[in-house]
Amino acid sequence: MGKPIIQVDNFSYIYPDTGIRVLDGLSFTIEENDFVGIVGCNKAGKSTLCTSLVGILPYTLGGEWEGDIIVDNENLEDSKGAFASSVIGIVFQDAESQFTQETVEDEIAFAMCNFGYESSVMEQRIREAASSCGVFELLDRSPFRLSGGQQQRVAIACMLALRPRVIILDESTSQLDPLGRDEVFNLVKKLHKNGSTIIMVDHNIEKIAEYADKVMVMYQGKIVEYGDTRSVFQKKDVMDACRVRIPQVSAACLELGKTINGLMPINLREACTAFGIVSAETSHE
């Protein structure tokens, strides 16, 4: 087992003036270098959870809450959420709405300026973050004139310049075409391999099954399942009850009775093994 980086203990949240309990008694632990995929139908509480982990809720936007969120052994209540920004970075669904500067370089520098970084440090981190995200050649371009995939990679670069240990991506591929989506997932895969802890909310079940090592299933503000990806996606009845589908290859194998050692395949490579065929993906390796 790894070292806990985020611990949530019986946390509940009610938006201001609504009386609606959007999160209800959540308790879980995320360890360093985990890749956690969060799935659930609309209004399951996924985005509310993400904004709570970074202290935006309840400390910036208000509301009623109970329970504790502990980030790197610090209770967010002690700093009124401020401590989270030193550990966690978040990228939201619409990257363009977060941009304010005329060039990609200035956009990456913007948050560091607000934190008072020295210019030499900023220059180094801009180069490193831009290179890591594959946007170094775009530094003099306007972020508003980039493709959707490029904009999301710039948004991630802006966050990486602050060197968070935990990266949250909240529906960051939902508005992208397949090429842009793959750009983001490939980047996130690289960041995880390099040691980042990843929390990713996404409706693309196939990609979550391929990349995440743990999956959290949310429904009506509660956590219904949380565990290793393979185990969670075996529970089709539970997923159906939460209005979340299992991967398409898993459903096909289930219908045809194809398994690997009694378990449903959860990605194309495993499905090809179950059917005894060689996929185009594996034939080039």
Protein backbone atom coordinates (compact mmCIF):
# COMPACT_ATOMS: atom_id res chain seq x y z
CA MET A 1 0.00 0.00 0.00
CA GLY A 2 1.15 3.52 -0.77
CA LYS A 3 1.13 6.64 1.37
CA PRO A 4 -2.29 8.35 1.64
CA ILE A 5 -2.34 11.74 -0.08
CA ILE A 6 -6.10 12.43 0.23
CA GLN A 7 -8.36 11.12 3.00
CA VAL A 8 -12.06 11.89 3.12
CA ASP A 9 -13.96 11.05 6.29
CA ASN A 10 -17.78 11.06 6.33
CA PHE A 11 -17.94 14.21 4.19
CA SER A 12 -21.33 15.66 3.21
CA TYR A 13 -22.15 18.89 1.40
CA ILE A 14 -25.28 20.98 0.81
CA TYR A 15 -25.28 23.83 -1.73
CA PRO A 16 -26.31 27.27 -0.39
CA ASP A 17 -30.04 27.96 -0.12
CA THR A 18 -31.05 24.57 -1.55
CA GLY A 19 -31.20 22.11 1.34
CA ILE A 20 -30.14 19.41 -1.14
CA ARG A 21 -27.46 17.05 0.14
CA VAL A 22 -25.31 16.70 -2.98
CA LEU A 23 -22.61 14.66 -1.26
CA ASP A 24 -23.71 12.24 1.42
CA GLY A 25 -21.29 10.70 3.92
CA LEU A 26 -18.32 10.06 1.64
CA SER A 27 -15.32 8.22 3.10
CA PHE A 28 -12.33 7.04 1.05
CA THR A 29 -8.56 7.26 0.69
CA ILE A 30 -6.43 8.05 -2.37
CA GLU A 31 -2.79 7.04 -2.21
CA GLU A 32 0.21 8.66 -3.85
CA ASN A 33 0.57 7.71 -7.55
CA ASP A 34 -2.96 6.29 -7.74
CA PHE A 35 -4.86 6.82 -10.98
CA VAL A 36 -8.50 7.03 -9.90
CA GLY A 37 -11.29 7.23 -12.46
CA ILE A 38 -14.55 8.66 -11.13
CA VAL A 39 -17.67 7.62 -13.03
CA GLY A 40 -21.37 8.16 -12.55
CA CYS A 41 -24.47 9.49 -14.25
CA ASN A 42 -25.36 13.19 -14.31
CA LYS A 43 -25.92 14.75 -10.88
CA ALA A 44 -24.09 11.91 -9.14
CA GLY A 45 -21.90 14.46 -7.32
CA LYS A 46 -18.65 13.93 -9.23
CA SER A 47 -17.82 17.60 -9.94
CA THR A 48 -18.96 18.64 -6.48
CA LEU A 49 -16.52 16.15 -5.01
CA CYS A 50 -13.66 17.48 -7.16
CA THR A 51 -14.26 21.09 -6.17
CA SER A 52 -14.49 20.02 -2.52
CA LEU A 53 -11.10 18.29 -2.70
CA VAL A 54 -9.44 21.54 -3.80
CA GLY A 55 -11.27 23.64 -1.19
CA ILE A 56 -13.45 25.65 -3.58
CA LEU A 57 -16.39 24.06 -1.79
CA PRO A 58 -17.27 25.02 0.80
CA TYR A 59 -14.65 27.63 1.62
CA THR A 60 -15.03 29.84 -1.47
CA LEU A 61 -18.60 29.23 -2.62
CA GLY A 62 -20.17 28.53 0.76
CA GLY A 63 -22.76 25.95 1.68
CA GLU A 64 -23.21 23.58 4.59
CA TRP A 65 -20.93 20.61 5.23
CA GLU A 66 -19.81 18.09 7.78
CA GLY A 67 -16.93 15.65 7.96
CA ASP A 68 -13.28 16.13 7.03
CA ILE A 69 -11.05 16.30 3.97
CA ILE A 70 -7.38 15.73 4.76
CA VAL A 71 -4.77 16.50 2.09
CA ASP A 72 -1.19 15.40 2.74
CA ASN A 73 -1.98 15.06 6.47
CA GLU A 74 -3.46 18.59 6.69
CA ASN A 75 -7.15 19.06 7.43
CA LEU A 76 -8.51 21.61 4.94
CA GLU A 77 -10.57 23.15 7.72
CA ASP A 78 -7.36 24.40 9.36
CA SER A 79 -6.48 26.58 6.35
CA LYS A 80 -10.06 27.14 5.11
CA GLY A 81 -9.16 25.22 1.99
CA ALA A 82 -6.06 27.23 1.07
CA PHE A 83 -3.59 24.40 1.74
CA ALA A 84 -5.09 22.26 -1.04
CA SER A 85 -3.64 24.53 -3.74
CA SER A 86 -0.11 23.62 -2.69
CA VAL A 87 -0.78 19.93 -3.35
CA ILE A 88 -3.63 19.65 -5.86
CA GLY A 89 -4.17 21.18 -9.29
CA ILE A 90 -7.46 20.98 -11.18
CA VAL A 91 -8.44 21.31 -14.85
CA PHE A 92 -12.09 21.86 -15.67
CA GLN A 93 -14.25 20.91 -18.64
CA ASP A 94 -13.99 24.13 -20.66
CA ALA A 95 -10.32 25.08 -20.84
CA GLU A 96 -10.93 28.20 -22.93
CA SER A 97 -13.11 29.75 -20.23
CA GLN A 98 -10.10 29.66 -17.88
CA PHE A 99 -7.80 31.62 -20.23
CA THR A 100 -7.15 35.33 -19.74
CA GLN A 101 -3.82 36.04 -21.46
CA GLU A 102 -2.83 36.83 -25.04
CA THR A 103 -0.24 34.08 -25.47
CA VAL A 104 0.25 30.54 -24.22
CA GLU A 105 3.48 31.59 -22.53
CA ASP A 106 1.75 34.36 -20.58
CA GLU A 107 -1.07 31.98 -19.70
CA ILE A 108 1.31 29.45 -18.17
CA ALA A 109 3.07 32.26 -16.29
CA PHE A 110 -0.13 33.85 -14.99
CA ALA A 111 -0.70 31.72 -11.86
CA MET A 112 2.99 31.88 -10.95
CA CYS A 113 2.85 35.67 -11.18
CA ASN A 114 -0.02 35.68 -8.72
CA PHE A 115 2.04 33.57 -6.30
CA GLY A 116 5.04 35.89 -6.63
CA TYR A 117 7.53 33.53 -8.27
CA GLU A 118 10.85 35.00 -9.40
CA SER A 119 11.21 35.50 -13.15
CA SER A 120 14.06 33.00 -13.49
CA VAL A 121 11.97 30.30 -11.80
CA MET A 122 8.99 31.16 -13.97
CA GLU A 123 11.01 30.90 -17.18
CA GLN A 124 12.32 27.48 -16.22
CA ARG A 125 8.91 26.15 -15.22
CA ILE A 126 7.26 27.50 -18.36
CA ARG A 127 9.76 25.59 -20.50
CA GLU A 128 9.38 22.42 -18.45
CA ALA A 129 5.58 22.48 -18.32
CA ALA A 130 5.23 23.38 -22.01
CA SER A 131 7.62 20.60 -23.02
CA SER A 132 5.88 18.03 -20.79
CA CYS A 133 2.52 18.86 -22.34
CA GLY A 134 3.75 19.11 -25.93
CA VAL A 135 2.90 22.79 -26.31
CA PHE A 136 6.40 24.28 -26.40
CA GLU A 137 5.99 25.21 -30.08
CA LEU A 138 2.75 27.04 -29.20
CA LEU A 139 4.16 29.43 -26.60
CA ASP A 140 3.77 32.51 -28.83
CA ARG A 141 0.30 31.51 -30.05
CA SER A 142 -2.99 32.79 -28.68
CA PRO A 143 -4.62 30.13 -26.47
CA PHE A 144 -7.96 31.14 -27.99
CA ARG A 145 -6.84 30.08 -31.48
CA LEU A 146 -5.88 26.50 -30.63
CA SER A 147 -7.74 23.24 -31.14
CA GLY A 148 -9.69 21.78 -28.24
CA GLY A 149 -7.02 19.20 -27.50
CA GLN A 150 -4.29 21.83 -27.61
CA GLN A 151 -6.27 24.07 -25.25
CA GLN A 152 -6.67 21.28 -22.72
CA ARG A 153 -2.95 20.53 -22.90
CA VAL A 154 -2.22 24.22 -22.30
CA ALA A 155 -4.60 24.20 -19.32
CA ILE A 156 -2.73 21.21 -17.90
CA ALA A 157 0.61 22.98 -18.52
CA CYS A 158 -0.65 26.01 -16.57
CA MET A 159 -1.40 23.73 -13.67
CA LEU A 160 1.85 21.74 -13.94
CA ALA A 161 3.91 24.93 -13.70
CA LEU A 162 2.82 25.07 -10.05
CA ARG A 163 4.06 21.50 -9.59
CA PRO A 164 1.07 19.92 -7.85
CA ARG A 165 1.45 16.34 -6.65
CA VAL A 166 -2.19 15.55 -7.39
CA ILE A 167 -3.88 16.35 -10.71
CA ILE A 168 -7.68 16.44 -10.99
CA LEU A 169 -9.29 16.48 -14.43
CA ASP A 170 -13.02 17.14 -14.27
CA GLU A 171 -14.66 16.13 -17.58
CA SER A 172 -11.63 17.55 -19.39
CA THR A 173 -12.23 15.51 -22.56
CA SER A 174 -16.02 15.75 -22.82
CA GLN A 175 -16.03 18.52 -25.43
CA LEU A 176 -13.17 17.15 -27.53
CA ASP A 177 -13.13 15.15 -30.73
CA PRO A 178 -11.46 11.70 -30.64
CA LEU A 179 -8.06 13.13 -31.61
CA GLY A 180 -8.17 15.79 -28.89
CA ARG A 181 -9.41 13.24 -26.36
CA ASP A 182 -6.51 10.91 -27.14
CA GLU A 183 -4.04 13.81 -26.81
CA VAL A 184 -5.24 14.46 -23.26
CA PHE A 185 -5.34 10.80 -22.19
CA ASN A 186 -1.86 10.15 -23.57
CA LEU A 187 -0.53 13.17 -21.69
CA VAL A 188 -2.22 12.10 -18.46
CA LYS A 189 -0.79 8.60 -18.88
CA LYS A 190 2.70 10.10 -19.13
CA LEU A 191 2.18 12.30 -16.07
CA HIS A 192 1.00 9.32 -14.05
CA LYS A 193 4.00 7.27 -15.17
CA ASN A 194 6.23 10.12 -13.98
CA GLY A 195 4.77 9.97 -10.49
CA SER A 196 1.70 12.22 -10.42
CA THR A 197 -1.44 11.14 -8.61
CA ILE A 198 -4.35 11.38 -11.05
CA ILE A 199 -8.06 11.82 -10.32
CA MET A 200 -10.08 11.83 -13.53
CA VAL A 201 -13.81 12.32 -13.98
CA ASP A 202 -14.82 11.13 -17.44
CA HIS A 203 -17.77 9.52 -19.21
CA ASN A 204 -15.49 7.60 -21.57
CA ILE A 205 -15.69 4.23 -19.84
CA GLU A 206 -13.34 2.56 -22.31
CA LYS A 207 -10.56 5.07 -21.57
CA ILE A 208 -11.10 4.85 -17.81
CA ALA A 209 -10.91 1.06 -18.02
CA GLU A 210 -7.68 1.32 -20.02
CA TYR A 211 -5.84 3.90 -17.92
CA ALA A 212 -7.16 3.99 -14.34
CA ASP A 213 -5.94 1.53 -11.72
CA LYS A 214 -8.86 2.33 -9.41
CA VAL A 215 -12.47 3.31 -10.14
CA MET A 216 -14.98 5.15 -7.96
CA VAL A 217 -18.65 4.78 -8.88
CA MET A 218 -20.92 7.55 -7.59
CA TYR A 219 -24.70 7.68 -7.53
CA GLN A 220 -26.97 10.27 -5.90
CA GLY A 221 -24.14 11.76 -3.87
CA LYS A 222 -22.86 8.46 -2.50
CA ILE A 223 -19.94 6.19 -3.32
CA VAL A 224 -21.40 2.87 -4.40
CA GLU A 225 -18.15 1.14 -5.40
CA TYR A 226 -14.49 2.03 -4.99
CA GLY A 227 -11.70 -0.39 -5.76
CA ASP A 228 -9.36 -1.71 -8.41
CA THR A 229 -10.64 -1.18 -11.94
CA ARG A 230 -11.01 -4.83 -12.86
CA SER A 231 -13.05 -5.71 -9.78
CA VAL A 232 -15.40 -2.75 -10.15
CA PHE A 233 -16.19 -3.40 -13.81
CA GLN A 234 -17.04 -7.04 -13.07
CA LYS A 235 -20.13 -5.85 -11.16
CA LYS A 236 -22.50 -5.25 -14.04
CA ASP A 237 -25.64 -5.38 -11.88
CA VAL A 238 -24.26 -2.65 -9.60
CA MET A 239 -23.18 -0.53 -12.56
CA ASP A 240 -26.58 -0.92 -14.22
CA ALA A 241 -28.30 0.19 -11.00
CA CYS A 242 -26.10 3.32 -10.99
CA ARG A 243 -26.86 3.98 -14.69
CA VAL A 244 -23.22 3.49 -15.66
CA ARG A 245 -22.38 1.05 -18.43
CA ILE A 246 -19.47 -1.34 -18.36
CA PRO A 247 -16.93 -1.22 -21.22
CA GLN A 248 -18.36 -2.36 -24.56
CA VAL A 249 -15.90 -5.23 -24.85
CA SER A 250 -16.90 -6.40 -21.37
CA ALA A 251 -20.57 -6.39 -22.33
CA ALA A 252 -19.86 -8.30 -25.54
CA CYS A 253 -17.78 -10.92 -23.75
CA LEU A 254 -20.45 -11.29 -21.08
CA GLU A 255 -23.13 -11.92 -23.69
CA LEU A 256 -20.96 -14.52 -25.45
CA GLY A 257 -19.61 -16.14 -22.31
CA LYS A 258 -15.99 -15.23 -23.03
CA THR A 259 -13.75 -14.72 -20.00
CA ILE A 260 -10.10 -14.81 -18.96
CA ASN A 261 -9.72 -17.06 -15.91
CA GLY A 262 -13.37 -16.43 -15.10
CA LEU A 263 -13.14 -12.62 -15.32
CA MET A 264 -14.64 -10.35 -17.95
CA PRO A 265 -12.08 -8.58 -20.14
CA ILE A 266 -12.16 -4.81 -19.63
CA ASN A 267 -10.19 -3.63 -22.68
CA LEU A 268 -9.68 -4.54 -26.33
CA ARG A 269 -6.41 -6.38 -25.78
CA GLU A 270 -7.99 -8.67 -23.19
CA ALA A 271 -11.10 -9.19 -25.32
CA CYS A 272 -8.94 -10.32 -28.23
CA THR A 273 -7.22 -12.79 -25.91
CA ALA A 274 -10.58 -14.10 -24.73
CA PHE A 275 -11.70 -14.60 -28.33
CA GLY A 276 -8.35 -16.10 -29.33
CA ILE A 277 -7.56 -13.50 -31.96
CA VAL A 278 -4.73 -11.04 -32.53
CA SER A 279 -5.85 -7.37 -32.52
CA ALA A 280 -4.48 -4.69 -34.78
CA GLU A 281 -3.16 -3.09 -31.59
CA THR A 282 -1.04 -6.10 -30.65
CA SER A 283 0.01 -7.15 -34.14
CA HIS A 284 2.32 -4.14 -34.50
CA GLU A 285 4.16 -4.69 -31.23
